[in-house]
Every structure is written in C-alpha cells, then in structure tokens.
Amino acid sequence: MAIASKPYLREVSFRPDVQFDAQKYPFNIPAVGALDNLQFHADVTFFVGENGSGKSTVLEALALALGYSPEGGTKNVRLETTSSVSPLHASLRLSRSFQKPSDGYFLRAESFFNVATYMDEIGLLSSYGGKSLHARSHGEAFLTLLTDKFRGDGLYLLDEPEAALSPQRQLAALAAIHQLVKNDSQFIIATHSPILLSYPGARIFQFSSSGISPVAFEDTEHYSVTRDFLNNYPRRLEQLLSDE
C-alpha cells in the first residue's frame, strides 16, 4: 500500500536540547510556550486568535525553520529589511514527510509590498503572470499568487492573506486554495477571516492566554461575532455607538 506524502509538514515541537526563559519574548506568550507537539492537517491548518496571541510569531518561526526569509516569498527570495525577527525558529524541531513538496511560498501581508519590489528589481515576473505585482491592486496581486505563482504539490504558509482581499475575493481565494489542495498542496494559514476559516475539514487551532487548543469553525469567535452582528446589526450598532 502506498504511503501518503502529505502532510509535508506533519508536526512541530521543541528541540529536546532547547532551553529557554519563559519570562522572555517570545516564550512568554502562552501559545508559544504551549507549542510542543502541534500536529498539522494534511490539507489546511488555520491559526486563529487575537492580535498578540502568537499566531503570526509561530507562523514566522515555521517559515524560517523551513528556510524562508523573514519577509516572505519563495526560498530563493533573500530579503530582510528589518532585524525584528523572533529567535523561536532556532528552538523548533519539524517533523516532515518522506517526500518534499515541489513548490512553496511564505506570504506575509505586511511585507508583501517589499517582496513585490524585489521581484521587479530582479525582473523575474513570468511566474506572476508576466506583469509587475505593483501594477495590480493588492487583492489582484495576491490572487495572482494563488492562480499563477502557486503550482501545486506545494507547502504554502500564509499570514493574514485576507488583509488584501474583499469578501468576494476571499471567496475566490477559498476556491483557489481548494484547487491547490486537490493538487496535493498543504496550507498553514494565520487568519481573522471567517470566510477562509470555513474551509471544509480544516484543522483550526485557537491561540489564547490558555495556550493552543483545537476548535470547531462554528465555535470560533470569528464565526460567532460575525454571525451575531449580521443577524442583529441595528441593535449591535445602537449598543456600540450609544453615548450612554
């Protein structure tokens, strides 16, 4: 019987020889301290939580441990315009599949502009549809990654991709992610988007002051708050905007 190659990234844990100060950043973040033995879904894994909960810190550490530069792109992009990188990656041990993915990308919404500028400077735009990413809207540029740059059979790490996307484009992104999953791809995504979180069968990890715990889509705050607001928005606006 054939052994499945996915998930390409199976699990992350702390290296057995690692020693860290739980009072110092980033190990003082509860979710980071609880990172040991986190197992990824073969298709899509989501990190959710409030700002500062550690989800982007962990995603960055995974990317650096896999060989990506701090600002993202492919492994061939060696770009670092800031020195504010967490040391977490050096403490991690990654459990991987016997088979390596043939494609991969690390997307950081906050530094995607820098990566786009870098691609213009080196002139490698053929895999981005032959057109500068700066000649497109932010949302169009990101969808170009999903439809033109990502080839499938890949491991893709996305940090808050919805920052570039309207709700309609988030739906388009969801469909594109599904096509890539069917083409043997694995995604690990940090997001606040209830649209993206709805991907069927995905594993969702909640990052909080209690650590990291699995959560169902319908039990995420993203789903419950959005649903409550849309179903009761006149009353919720009255409560939020009241002078009393």
C-alpha atoms as a PDB file:
ATOM      1  CA  MET A   1       0.000   0.000   0.000  1.00  0.00           C
ATOM      2  CA  ALA A   2       1.343   3.431  -0.953  1.00  0.00           C
ATOM      3  CA  ILE A   3       2.299   5.797   1.871  1.00  0.00           C
ATOM      4  CA  ALA A   4       0.695   9.221   1.602  1.00  0.00           C
ATOM      5  CA  SER A   5       3.191  12.034   1.157  1.00  0.00           C
ATOM      6  CA  LYS A   6       1.013  14.638   2.832  1.00  0.00           C
ATOM      7  CA  PRO A   7       1.128  16.373   5.171  1.00  0.00           C
ATOM      8  CA  TYR A   8       4.527  17.607   4.053  1.00  0.00           C
ATOM      9  CA  LEU A   9       4.856  19.298   7.423  1.00  0.00           C
ATOM     10  CA  ARG A  10       3.479  16.857   9.976  1.00  0.00           C
ATOM     11  CA  GLU A  11       4.315  18.262  13.384  1.00  0.00           C
ATOM     12  CA  VAL A  12       6.286  20.925  15.189  1.00  0.00           C
ATOM     13  CA  SER A  13       7.815  20.506  18.632  1.00  0.00           C
ATOM     14  CA  PHE A  14      10.618  21.975  20.674  1.00  0.00           C
ATOM     15  CA  ARG A  15      14.069  20.529  20.155  1.00  0.00           C
ATOM     16  CA  PRO A  16      14.872  18.140  23.027  1.00  0.00           C
ATOM     17  CA  ASP A  17      18.007  20.103  23.928  1.00  0.00           C
ATOM     18  CA  VAL A  18      16.366  23.532  23.869  1.00  0.00           C
ATOM     19  CA  GLN A  19      16.384  25.714  26.952  1.00  0.00           C
ATOM     20  CA  PHE A  20      14.516  29.000  27.074  1.00  0.00           C
ATOM     21  CA  ASP A  21      13.489  31.672  29.527  1.00  0.00           C
ATOM     22  CA  ALA A  22       9.707  31.588  29.871  1.00  0.00           C
ATOM     23  CA  GLN A  23       9.803  35.226  31.012  1.00  0.00           C
ATOM     24  CA  LYS A  24      11.346  36.489  27.756  1.00  0.00           C
ATOM     25  CA  TYR A  25       9.787  37.132  24.355  1.00  0.00           C
ATOM     26  CA  PRO A  26       8.515  35.163  22.522  1.00  0.00           C
ATOM     27  CA  PHE A  27       8.422  32.341  25.058  1.00  0.00           C
ATOM     28  CA  ASN A  28       6.389  34.486  27.454  1.00  0.00           C
ATOM     29  CA  ILE A  29       3.466  34.272  25.024  1.00  0.00           C
ATOM     30  CA  PRO A  30       1.256  31.451  26.391  1.00  0.00           C
ATOM     31  CA  ALA A  31       0.612  29.922  22.964  1.00  0.00           C
ATOM     32  CA  VAL A  32       4.322  29.839  22.150  1.00  0.00           C
ATOM     33  CA  GLY A  33       5.087  28.080  25.418  1.00  0.00           C
ATOM     34  CA  ALA A  34       2.384  25.507  24.532  1.00  0.00           C
ATOM     35  CA  LEU A  35       3.659  24.909  21.018  1.00  0.00           C
ATOM     36  CA  ASP A  36       5.115  21.458  21.638  1.00  0.00           C
ATOM     37  CA  ASN A  37       3.726  18.564  19.560  1.00  0.00           C
ATOM     38  CA  LEU A  38       1.406  20.602  17.332  1.00  0.00           C
ATOM     39  CA  GLN A  39       0.165  18.364  14.515  1.00  0.00           C
ATOM     40  CA  PHE A  40      -0.869  19.781  11.143  1.00  0.00           C
ATOM     41  CA  HIS A  41      -3.695  18.737   8.852  1.00  0.00           C
ATOM     42  CA  ALA A  42      -2.726  17.233   5.519  1.00  0.00           C
ATOM     43  CA  ASP A  43      -4.726  19.875   3.647  1.00  0.00           C
ATOM     44  CA  VAL A  44      -5.374  23.098   5.586  1.00  0.00           C
ATOM     45  CA  THR A  45      -4.464  24.198   9.110  1.00  0.00           C
ATOM     46  CA  PHE A  46      -5.589  27.558  10.493  1.00  0.00           C
ATOM     47  CA  PHE A  47      -4.154  29.599  13.348  1.00  0.00           C
ATOM     48  CA  VAL A  48      -6.695  31.965  14.927  1.00  0.00           C
ATOM     49  CA  GLY A  49      -6.560  34.322  17.885  1.00  0.00           C
ATOM     50  CA  GLU A  50      -6.437  37.933  18.940  1.00  0.00           C
ATOM     51  CA  ASN A  51      -3.626  40.227  17.849  1.00  0.00           C
ATOM     52  CA  GLY A  52      -0.634  39.458  20.033  1.00  0.00           C
ATOM     53  CA  SER A  53      -1.726  35.872  20.695  1.00  0.00           C
ATOM     54  CA  GLY A  54       1.335  34.477  18.927  1.00  0.00           C
ATOM     55  CA  LYS A  55      -0.136  33.026  15.744  1.00  0.00           C
ATOM     56  CA  SER A  56       1.971  35.157  13.365  1.00  0.00           C
ATOM     57  CA  THR A  57       5.051  34.643  15.557  1.00  0.00           C
ATOM     58  CA  VAL A  58       4.658  30.871  15.267  1.00  0.00           C
ATOM     59  CA  LEU A  59       3.971  31.029  11.528  1.00  0.00           C
ATOM     60  CA  GLU A  60       7.096  33.160  11.025  1.00  0.00           C
ATOM     61  CA  ALA A  61       9.142  30.685  13.053  1.00  0.00           C
ATOM     62  CA  LEU A  62       7.869  27.786  10.943  1.00  0.00           C
ATOM     63  CA  ALA A  63       8.783  29.678   7.772  1.00  0.00           C
ATOM     64  CA  LEU A  64      12.296  30.492   8.970  1.00  0.00           C
ATOM     65  CA  ALA A  65      12.837  26.918  10.142  1.00  0.00           C
ATOM     66  CA  LEU A  66      11.821  25.765   6.644  1.00  0.00           C
ATOM     67  CA  GLY A  67      14.358  28.093   5.021  1.00  0.00           C
ATOM     68  CA  TYR A  68      12.329  31.147   4.015  1.00  0.00           C
ATOM     69  CA  SER A  69      13.450  34.718   4.564  1.00  0.00           C
ATOM     70  CA  PRO A  70      11.622  36.774   7.220  1.00  0.00           C
ATOM     71  CA  GLU A  71       9.679  38.900   4.729  1.00  0.00           C
ATOM     72  CA  GLY A  72       8.415  36.013   2.664  1.00  0.00           C
ATOM     73  CA  GLY A  73       8.431  34.884  -0.941  1.00  0.00           C
ATOM     74  CA  THR A  74       9.978  31.669  -2.219  1.00  0.00           C
ATOM     75  CA  LYS A  75      13.141  30.223  -0.688  1.00  0.00           C
ATOM     76  CA  ASN A  76      15.105  31.988  -3.430  1.00  0.00           C
ATOM     77  CA  VAL A  77      13.989  35.402  -2.137  1.00  0.00           C
ATOM     78  CA  ARG A  78      16.610  36.562   0.364  1.00  0.00           C
ATOM     79  CA  LEU A  79      15.082  39.774   1.638  1.00  0.00           C
ATOM     80  CA  GLU A  80      15.333  41.204   5.143  1.00  0.00           C
ATOM     81  CA  THR A  81      14.689  44.896   5.679  1.00  0.00           C
ATOM     82  CA  THR A  82      14.113  44.544   9.424  1.00  0.00           C
ATOM     83  CA  SER A  83      16.027  42.848  12.222  1.00  0.00           C
ATOM     84  CA  SER A  84      12.946  42.310  14.416  1.00  0.00           C
ATOM     85  CA  VAL A  85      12.820  38.542  13.939  1.00  0.00           C
ATOM     86  CA  SER A  86      11.891  36.238  16.789  1.00  0.00           C
ATOM     87  CA  PRO A  87      14.512  33.607  17.760  1.00  0.00           C
ATOM     88  CA  LEU A  88      11.778  30.977  18.095  1.00  0.00           C
ATOM     89  CA  HIS A  89      12.685  29.159  14.866  1.00  0.00           C
ATOM     90  CA  ALA A  90      16.040  28.040  16.293  1.00  0.00           C
ATOM     91  CA  SER A  91      14.220  26.160  19.075  1.00  0.00           C
ATOM     92  CA  LEU A  92      11.925  24.145  16.811  1.00  0.00           C
ATOM     93  CA  ARG A  93      12.079  20.618  15.503  1.00  0.00           C
ATOM     94  CA  LEU A  94       9.991  19.947  12.410  1.00  0.00           C
ATOM     95  CA  SER A  95       8.618  16.534  11.542  1.00  0.00           C
ATOM     96  CA  ARG A  96       8.257  16.250   7.774  1.00  0.00           C
ATOM     97  CA  SER A  97       7.025  13.814   5.165  1.00  0.00           C
ATOM     98  CA  PHE A  98       9.410  11.429   3.429  1.00  0.00           C
ATOM     99  CA  GLN A  99       8.602  13.368   0.239  1.00  0.00           C
ATOM    100  CA  LYS A 100       9.458  17.027  -0.167  1.00  0.00           C
ATOM    101  CA  PRO A 101       6.951  19.414  -1.775  1.00  0.00           C
ATOM    102  CA  SER A 102       7.993  20.648  -5.192  1.00  0.00           C
ATOM    103  CA  ASP A 103       6.666  24.154  -4.566  1.00  0.00           C
ATOM    104  CA  GLY A 104       6.373  26.501  -1.616  1.00  0.00           C
ATOM    105  CA  TYR A 105       5.812  30.094  -0.549  1.00  0.00           C
ATOM    106  CA  PHE A 106       5.649  32.206   2.593  1.00  0.00           C
ATOM    107  CA  LEU A 107       3.230  35.137   2.346  1.00  0.00           C
ATOM    108  CA  ARG A 108       3.291  37.969   4.864  1.00  0.00           C
ATOM    109  CA  ALA A 109       0.626  40.539   4.108  1.00  0.00           C
ATOM    110  CA  GLU A 110       2.583  43.264   5.907  1.00  0.00           C
ATOM    111  CA  SER A 111       5.765  42.789   3.837  1.00  0.00           C
ATOM    112  CA  PHE A 112       4.309  41.670   0.502  1.00  0.00           C
ATOM    113  CA  PHE A 113       4.999  45.146  -0.933  1.00  0.00           C
ATOM    114  CA  ASN A 114       8.723  44.618  -0.299  1.00  0.00           C
ATOM    115  CA  VAL A 115       8.669  41.216  -1.982  1.00  0.00           C
ATOM    116  CA  ALA A 116       6.845  42.686  -4.995  1.00  0.00           C
ATOM    117  CA  THR A 117       9.508  45.406  -5.269  1.00  0.00           C
ATOM    118  CA  TYR A 118      12.246  42.783  -5.065  1.00  0.00           C
ATOM    119  CA  MET A 119      10.655  40.789  -7.912  1.00  0.00           C
ATOM    120  CA  ASP A 120      10.562  43.952 -10.039  1.00  0.00           C
ATOM    121  CA  GLU A 121      14.226  44.618  -9.320  1.00  0.00           C
ATOM    122  CA  ILE A 122      15.421  41.163 -10.340  1.00  0.00           C
ATOM    123  CA  GLY A 123      12.993  41.002 -13.274  1.00  0.00           C
ATOM    124  CA  LEU A 124      11.524  37.557 -12.583  1.00  0.00           C
ATOM    125  CA  LEU A 125       7.862  38.165 -13.315  1.00  0.00           C
ATOM    126  CA  SER A 126       6.984  35.267 -15.633  1.00  0.00           C
ATOM    127  CA  SER A 127       5.563  33.172 -12.795  1.00  0.00           C
ATOM    128  CA  TYR A 128       3.477  36.152 -11.669  1.00  0.00           C
ATOM    129  CA  GLY A 129       1.612  36.394 -14.966  1.00  0.00           C
ATOM    130  CA  GLY A 130       4.363  38.421 -16.667  1.00  0.00           C
ATOM    131  CA  LYS A 131       3.258  41.653 -15.022  1.00  0.00           C
ATOM    132  CA  SER A 132       4.578  43.649 -12.094  1.00  0.00           C
ATOM    133  CA  LEU A 133       2.689  42.981  -8.877  1.00  0.00           C
ATOM    134  CA  HIS A 134       2.762  46.740  -8.306  1.00  0.00           C
ATOM    135  CA  ALA A 135       0.746  47.190 -11.499  1.00  0.00           C
ATOM    136  CA  ARG A 136      -2.161  45.378  -9.847  1.00  0.00           C
ATOM    137  CA  SER A 137      -4.289  46.094  -6.846  1.00  0.00           C
ATOM    138  CA  HIS A 138      -3.221  44.414  -3.606  1.00  0.00           C
ATOM    139  CA  GLY A 139      -6.057  41.917  -3.918  1.00  0.00           C
ATOM    140  CA  GLU A 140      -5.302  41.156  -7.561  1.00  0.00           C
ATOM    141  CA  ALA A 141      -1.626  40.641  -6.719  1.00  0.00           C
ATOM    142  CA  PHE A 142      -2.454  38.123  -4.008  1.00  0.00           C
ATOM    143  CA  LEU A 143      -4.889  36.193  -6.211  1.00  0.00           C
ATOM    144  CA  THR A 144      -2.130  36.087  -8.826  1.00  0.00           C
ATOM    145  CA  LEU A 145      -0.058  34.152  -6.309  1.00  0.00           C
ATOM    146  CA  LEU A 146      -2.804  31.578  -5.902  1.00  0.00           C
ATOM    147  CA  THR A 147      -3.672  31.234  -9.580  1.00  0.00           C
ATOM    148  CA  ASP A 148      -0.334  31.807 -11.343  1.00  0.00           C
ATOM    149  CA  LYS A 149       2.563  31.528  -8.907  1.00  0.00           C
ATOM    150  CA  PHE A 150       1.471  28.549  -6.811  1.00  0.00           C
ATOM    151  CA  ARG A 151       1.913  25.454  -8.979  1.00  0.00           C
ATOM    152  CA  GLY A 152       0.533  22.804  -6.646  1.00  0.00           C
ATOM    153  CA  ASP A 153       2.293  19.910  -4.911  1.00  0.00           C
ATOM    154  CA  GLY A 154       3.379  22.620  -2.503  1.00  0.00           C
ATOM    155  CA  LEU A 155       3.585  23.740   1.101  1.00  0.00           C
ATOM    156  CA  TYR A 156       2.238  27.276   1.490  1.00  0.00           C
ATOM    157  CA  LEU A 157       2.371  29.437   4.615  1.00  0.00           C
ATOM    158  CA  LEU A 158       0.057  32.468   4.549  1.00  0.00           C
ATOM    159  CA  ASP A 159      -0.026  35.164   7.226  1.00  0.00           C
ATOM    160  CA  GLU A 160      -3.333  37.091   7.267  1.00  0.00           C
ATOM    161  CA  PRO A 161      -3.954  36.926   3.498  1.00  0.00           C
ATOM    162  CA  GLU A 162      -7.407  38.470   3.930  1.00  0.00           C
ATOM    163  CA  ALA A 163      -5.743  41.843   4.568  1.00  0.00           C
ATOM    164  CA  ALA A 164      -5.555  42.224   0.791  1.00  0.00           C
ATOM    165  CA  LEU A 165      -8.930  40.769  -0.098  1.00  0.00           C
ATOM    166  CA  SER A 166     -12.518  41.977  -0.323  1.00  0.00           C
ATOM    167  CA  PRO A 167     -15.154  39.446   0.813  1.00  0.00           C
ATOM    168  CA  GLN A 168     -15.788  38.468  -2.813  1.00  0.00           C
ATOM    169  CA  ARG A 169     -12.069  37.908  -3.401  1.00  0.00           C
ATOM    170  CA  GLN A 170     -11.847  35.896  -0.195  1.00  0.00           C
ATOM    171  CA  LEU A 171     -14.405  33.553  -1.735  1.00  0.00           C
ATOM    172  CA  ALA A 172     -12.288  33.376  -4.891  1.00  0.00           C
ATOM    173  CA  ALA A 173      -9.222  32.666  -2.757  1.00  0.00           C
ATOM    174  CA  LEU A 174     -11.085  29.870  -0.978  1.00  0.00           C
ATOM    175  CA  ALA A 175     -11.879  28.245  -4.316  1.00  0.00           C
ATOM    176  CA  ALA A 176      -8.266  28.623  -5.489  1.00  0.00           C
ATOM    177  CA  ILE A 177      -6.956  27.096  -2.251  1.00  0.00           C
ATOM    178  CA  HIS A 178      -9.288  24.137  -2.777  1.00  0.00           C
ATOM    179  CA  GLN A 179      -7.963  23.553  -6.298  1.00  0.00           C
ATOM    180  CA  LEU A 180      -4.402  23.588  -4.960  1.00  0.00           C
ATOM    181  CA  VAL A 181      -5.323  21.199  -2.140  1.00  0.00           C
ATOM    182  CA  LYS A 182      -6.727  18.806  -4.747  1.00  0.00           C
ATOM    183  CA  ASN A 183      -3.354  19.143  -6.479  1.00  0.00           C
ATOM    184  CA  ASP A 184      -1.503  17.733  -3.445  1.00  0.00           C
ATOM    185  CA  SER A 185      -0.864  21.008  -1.624  1.00  0.00           C
ATOM    186  CA  GLN A 186      -0.823  21.793   2.091  1.00  0.00           C
ATOM    187  CA  PHE A 187      -1.640  25.189   3.621  1.00  0.00           C
ATOM    188  CA  ILE A 188      -0.913  26.659   7.045  1.00  0.00           C
ATOM    189  CA  ILE A 189      -2.746  29.966   7.415  1.00  0.00           C
ATOM    190  CA  ALA A 190      -2.948  32.574  10.179  1.00  0.00           C
ATOM    191  CA  THR A 191      -6.190  34.475   9.654  1.00  0.00           C
ATOM    192  CA  HIS A 192      -9.030  36.528  11.100  1.00  0.00           C
ATOM    193  CA  SER A 193     -11.346  35.738   8.176  1.00  0.00           C
ATOM    194  CA  PRO A 194     -14.468  33.655   8.926  1.00  0.00           C
ATOM    195  CA  ILE A 195     -14.796  33.099   5.169  1.00  0.00           C
ATOM    196  CA  LEU A 196     -11.403  31.419   4.892  1.00  0.00           C
ATOM    197  CA  LEU A 197     -11.930  29.558   8.172  1.00  0.00           C
ATOM    198  CA  SER A 198     -14.988  27.845   6.687  1.00  0.00           C
ATOM    199  CA  TYR A 199     -12.812  25.579   4.513  1.00  0.00           C
ATOM    200  CA  PRO A 200     -14.329  22.089   4.964  1.00  0.00           C
ATOM    201  CA  GLY A 201     -12.419  19.698   7.185  1.00  0.00           C
ATOM    202  CA  ALA A 202      -9.670  22.158   8.093  1.00  0.00           C
ATOM    203  CA  ARG A 203      -7.898  21.909  11.448  1.00  0.00           C
ATOM    204  CA  ILE A 204      -8.268  25.137  13.422  1.00  0.00           C
ATOM    205  CA  PHE A 205      -6.013  25.979  16.359  1.00  0.00           C
ATOM    206  CA  GLN A 206      -7.096  28.712  18.755  1.00  0.00           C
ATOM    207  CA  PHE A 207      -4.191  30.757  20.185  1.00  0.00           C
ATOM    208  CA  SER A 208      -5.101  32.344  23.520  1.00  0.00           C
ATOM    209  CA  SER A 209      -3.898  33.145  27.028  1.00  0.00           C
ATOM    210  CA  SER A 210      -4.580  29.490  27.841  1.00  0.00           C
ATOM    211  CA  GLY A 211      -2.222  28.205  25.146  1.00  0.00           C
ATOM    212  CA  ILE A 212      -3.246  26.424  21.948  1.00  0.00           C
ATOM    213  CA  SER A 213      -6.364  24.317  21.538  1.00  0.00           C
ATOM    214  CA  PRO A 214      -8.299  22.834  18.603  1.00  0.00           C
ATOM    215  CA  VAL A 215     -11.627  24.482  17.898  1.00  0.00           C
ATOM    216  CA  ALA A 216     -14.524  23.870  15.512  1.00  0.00           C
ATOM    217  CA  PHE A 217     -15.349  26.538  12.936  1.00  0.00           C
ATOM    218  CA  GLU A 218     -18.740  27.307  14.496  1.00  0.00           C
ATOM    219  CA  ASP A 219     -17.100  27.707  17.909  1.00  0.00           C
ATOM    220  CA  THR A 220     -14.577  30.338  16.805  1.00  0.00           C
ATOM    221  CA  GLU A 221     -15.134  33.902  17.927  1.00  0.00           C
ATOM    222  CA  HIS A 222     -14.723  34.955  14.281  1.00  0.00           C
ATOM    223  CA  TYR A 223     -17.822  32.966  13.304  1.00  0.00           C
ATOM    224  CA  SER A 224     -19.967  33.778  16.336  1.00  0.00           C
ATOM    225  CA  VAL A 225     -19.236  37.524  16.399  1.00  0.00           C
ATOM    226  CA  THR A 226     -19.746  37.914  12.639  1.00  0.00           C
ATOM    227  CA  ARG A 227     -22.969  35.899  12.675  1.00  0.00           C
ATOM    228  CA  ASP A 228     -24.339  37.781  15.684  1.00  0.00           C
ATOM    229  CA  PHE A 229     -23.527  41.179  14.193  1.00  0.00           C
ATOM    230  CA  LEU A 230     -25.026  40.430  10.785  1.00  0.00           C
ATOM    231  CA  ASN A 231     -28.182  38.964  12.310  1.00  0.00           C
ATOM    232  CA  ASN A 232     -28.623  41.789  14.824  1.00  0.00           C
ATOM    233  CA  TYR A 233     -26.693  44.715  13.412  1.00  0.00           C
ATOM    234  CA  PRO A 234     -29.222  47.514  14.199  1.00  0.00           C
ATOM    235  CA  ARG A 235     -29.224  46.548  17.874  1.00  0.00           C
ATOM    236  CA  ARG A 236     -25.449  45.962  17.977  1.00  0.00           C
ATOM    237  CA  LEU A 237     -24.780  49.363  16.395  1.00  0.00           C
ATOM    238  CA  GLU A 238     -27.090  51.003  18.891  1.00  0.00           C
ATOM    239  CA  GLN A 239     -25.180  49.362  21.726  1.00  0.00           C
ATOM    240  CA  LEU A 240     -21.753  50.188  20.310  1.00  0.00           C
ATOM    241  CA  LEU A 241     -22.464  53.781  19.352  1.00  0.00           C
ATOM    242  CA  SER A 242     -24.618  54.802  22.272  1.00  0.00           C
ATOM    243  CA  ASP A 243     -23.434  57.852  24.214  1.00  0.00           C
ATOM    244  CA  GLU A 244     -24.530  56.299  27.488  1.00  0.00           C
END
